[in-house]
Amino acid sequence: MPVFSAYEVIQFAVKIEENGEEFYRQAAGKFNHKAIKDTFLTLADEEIQHRQIFAEIMAQVENYEPAESFGGEYSQYLRSYASEHIFTKEKTAKFQIAQIKAVAQAIDFAIEMELDSIHYYTEAKNLVPPAQRGIIDRIIEQELQHYLKLNQVKKNNLN
């Protein structure tokens, strides 16, 4: 099985952000609840910002090789994680939005997406040069804020 370079891992991160933006925009268009719609649109805009940050990182990580127990250790793990948890048919925005009938379902799926992103970025951080890890930490913090924001919206509007 081929392994990922740090560059490829960051490409996956860009794709995660694209999927998140697409889901949030579609979910915002599906529901009329103002607070929910506003939250989804804000999150979509923030996913664009994350994607831009990752594009900048990609230009700097192409030849970086992290310290590993065996060659490709992190990249094999992240490839497996991405294949099984992030890039499945069931996790695509188009598939999910067609299945979602209620605001609570949309929020629950968004929460799950944010948790998957946090996990992925936490692990991917090991594949970027040390000088770039602070940037990844800031994105993890923003994803955590998305998670908390979604939980707050769920608590305030659905209970």
Protein backbone atom coordinates (compact mmCIF):
# COMPACT_ATOMS: atom_id res chain seq x y z
CA MET A 1 0.00 0.00 0.00
CA PRO A 2 1.43 3.40 -0.93
CA VAL A 3 2.02 5.81 1.91
CA PHE A 4 1.17 9.48 2.21
CA SER A 5 3.61 12.29 2.20
CA ALA A 6 2.93 15.24 4.45
CA TYR A 7 1.81 17.05 1.31
CA GLU A 8 -0.86 14.41 0.66
CA VAL A 9 -2.05 14.54 4.26
CA ILE A 10 -2.58 18.28 3.93
CA GLN A 11 -4.40 17.69 0.64
CA PHE A 12 -6.81 15.47 2.60
CA ALA A 13 -7.23 18.28 5.11
CA VAL A 14 -8.19 20.62 2.26
CA LYS A 15 -10.75 18.04 1.11
CA ILE A 16 -12.17 17.75 4.64
CA GLU A 17 -12.68 21.51 4.69
CA GLU A 18 -14.30 21.44 1.24
CA ASN A 19 -16.70 18.73 2.39
CA GLY A 20 -17.49 20.67 5.55
CA GLU A 21 -18.20 23.86 3.65
CA GLU A 22 -20.43 22.03 1.18
CA PHE A 23 -22.40 20.35 3.96
CA TYR A 24 -22.87 23.55 5.95
CA ARG A 25 -24.06 25.52 2.90
CA GLN A 26 -26.51 22.79 1.88
CA ALA A 27 -27.78 22.44 5.45
CA ALA A 28 -28.24 26.22 5.71
CA GLY A 29 -30.36 26.11 2.58
CA LYS A 30 -32.45 23.20 3.79
CA PHE A 31 -33.76 24.67 7.03
CA ASN A 32 -35.58 27.94 7.76
CA HIS A 33 -34.60 28.23 11.43
CA LYS A 34 -32.63 31.52 11.55
CA ALA A 35 -30.15 30.61 14.30
CA ILE A 36 -29.40 27.27 12.66
CA LYS A 37 -29.07 28.81 9.20
CA ASP A 38 -26.76 31.57 10.50
CA THR A 39 -24.60 29.06 12.37
CA PHE A 40 -24.22 26.83 9.31
CA LEU A 41 -23.32 29.78 7.06
CA THR A 42 -20.73 31.04 9.56
CA LEU A 43 -19.19 27.57 9.81
CA ALA A 44 -19.09 27.29 6.00
CA ASP A 45 -17.19 30.57 5.77
CA GLU A 46 -14.74 29.42 8.44
CA GLU A 47 -14.11 26.19 6.51
CA ILE A 48 -13.01 28.34 3.55
CA GLN A 49 -10.50 30.10 5.81
CA HIS A 50 -9.16 26.74 7.00
CA ARG A 51 -8.78 25.53 3.42
CA GLN A 52 -6.73 28.63 2.57
CA ILE A 53 -4.45 28.03 5.54
CA PHE A 54 -3.88 24.43 4.50
CA ALA A 55 -3.11 25.51 0.93
CA GLU A 56 -0.38 27.78 2.33
CA ILE A 57 1.00 24.93 4.44
CA MET A 58 1.08 22.59 1.41
CA ALA A 59 3.57 24.86 -0.27
CA GLN A 60 5.96 24.38 2.65
CA VAL A 61 5.67 20.67 3.54
CA GLU A 62 6.31 18.83 0.30
CA ASN A 63 9.68 17.39 1.31
CA TYR A 64 9.23 17.06 5.06
CA GLU A 65 9.68 13.57 6.54
CA PRO A 66 8.54 13.08 10.17
CA ALA A 67 10.28 10.85 12.69
CA GLU A 68 8.48 7.50 12.78
CA SER A 69 8.92 4.04 14.32
CA PHE A 70 8.80 2.62 10.81
CA GLY A 71 8.61 4.29 7.42
CA GLY A 72 5.14 5.56 6.62
CA GLU A 73 3.73 4.84 10.09
CA TYR A 74 1.67 8.02 10.40
CA SER A 75 0.68 8.16 6.79
CA GLN A 76 -0.60 4.56 6.81
CA TYR A 77 -2.64 5.29 9.91
CA LEU A 78 -4.08 8.48 8.43
CA ARG A 79 -4.84 6.78 5.12
CA SER A 80 -6.79 4.11 6.99
CA TYR A 81 -8.57 6.65 9.17
CA ALA A 82 -9.50 8.84 6.20
CA SER A 83 -10.77 5.86 4.21
CA GLU A 84 -12.87 4.46 7.02
CA HIS A 85 -14.13 7.61 8.75
CA ILE A 86 -13.89 10.66 6.52
CA PHE A 87 -14.19 9.82 2.83
CA THR A 88 -16.90 7.20 2.88
CA LYS A 89 -20.05 7.62 0.82
CA GLU A 90 -22.03 8.04 4.01
CA LYS A 91 -19.85 10.97 5.09
CA THR A 92 -20.23 13.02 1.90
CA ALA A 93 -22.27 16.19 2.12
CA LYS A 94 -24.49 15.24 -0.81
CA PHE A 95 -25.35 11.84 0.61
CA GLN A 96 -25.96 13.16 4.12
CA ILE A 97 -28.04 16.18 3.21
CA ALA A 98 -30.38 13.95 1.19
CA GLN A 99 -30.83 11.68 4.22
CA ILE A 100 -31.31 14.43 6.78
CA LYS A 101 -34.90 15.40 7.47
CA ALA A 102 -34.61 17.31 10.75
CA VAL A 103 -32.41 20.08 12.12
CA ALA A 104 -31.27 17.81 14.96
CA GLN A 105 -29.95 15.27 12.45
CA ALA A 106 -28.01 17.99 10.62
CA ILE A 107 -26.47 19.25 13.84
CA ASP A 108 -25.59 15.74 15.03
CA PHE A 109 -23.90 14.97 11.71
CA ALA A 110 -22.02 18.30 11.82
CA ILE A 111 -20.84 17.52 15.36
CA GLU A 112 -19.58 14.14 14.18
CA MET A 113 -17.78 15.79 11.23
CA GLU A 114 -16.07 18.25 13.55
CA LEU A 115 -14.93 15.49 15.91
CA ASP A 116 -13.55 13.49 12.96
CA SER A 117 -11.72 16.61 11.77
CA ILE A 118 -10.23 17.26 15.20
CA HIS A 119 -9.01 13.69 15.40
CA TYR A 120 -7.54 13.77 11.90
CA TYR A 121 -5.77 17.11 12.40
CA THR A 122 -4.40 16.04 15.76
CA GLU A 123 -2.78 13.04 14.12
CA ALA A 124 -1.82 14.87 10.90
CA LYS A 125 0.08 17.41 12.95
CA ASN A 126 2.80 14.76 13.34
CA LEU A 127 3.36 14.82 9.58
CA VAL A 128 4.09 18.50 9.17
CA PRO A 129 7.31 20.31 10.01
CA PRO A 130 7.54 21.45 13.62
CA ALA A 131 7.37 25.09 12.52
CA GLN A 132 3.90 24.44 11.02
CA ARG A 133 2.41 22.59 13.99
CA GLY A 134 1.25 25.77 15.70
CA ILE A 135 -0.88 26.54 12.64
CA ILE A 136 -2.44 23.08 12.82
CA ASP A 137 -3.06 23.62 16.55
CA ARG A 138 -4.94 26.83 15.73
CA ILE A 139 -7.10 24.98 13.22
CA ILE A 140 -7.76 22.23 15.77
CA GLU A 141 -8.83 24.95 18.20
CA GLN A 142 -11.17 26.42 15.56
CA GLU A 143 -12.64 22.98 14.85
CA LEU A 144 -13.13 22.55 18.59
CA GLN A 145 -14.93 25.90 18.62
CA HIS A 146 -17.16 24.62 15.79
CA TYR A 147 -17.93 21.56 17.88
CA LEU A 148 -18.77 23.68 20.93
CA LYS A 149 -20.83 26.13 18.86
CA LEU A 150 -22.86 23.29 17.37
CA ASN A 151 -23.47 21.80 20.80
CA GLN A 152 -24.60 25.19 22.09
CA VAL A 153 -26.95 25.71 19.14
CA LYS A 154 -28.35 22.23 19.69
CA LYS A 155 -28.87 22.92 23.40
CA ASN A 156 -30.43 26.36 22.86
CA ASN A 157 -32.67 25.56 19.92
CA LEU A 158 -33.60 21.92 20.10
CA ASN A 159 -34.26 21.23 23.76
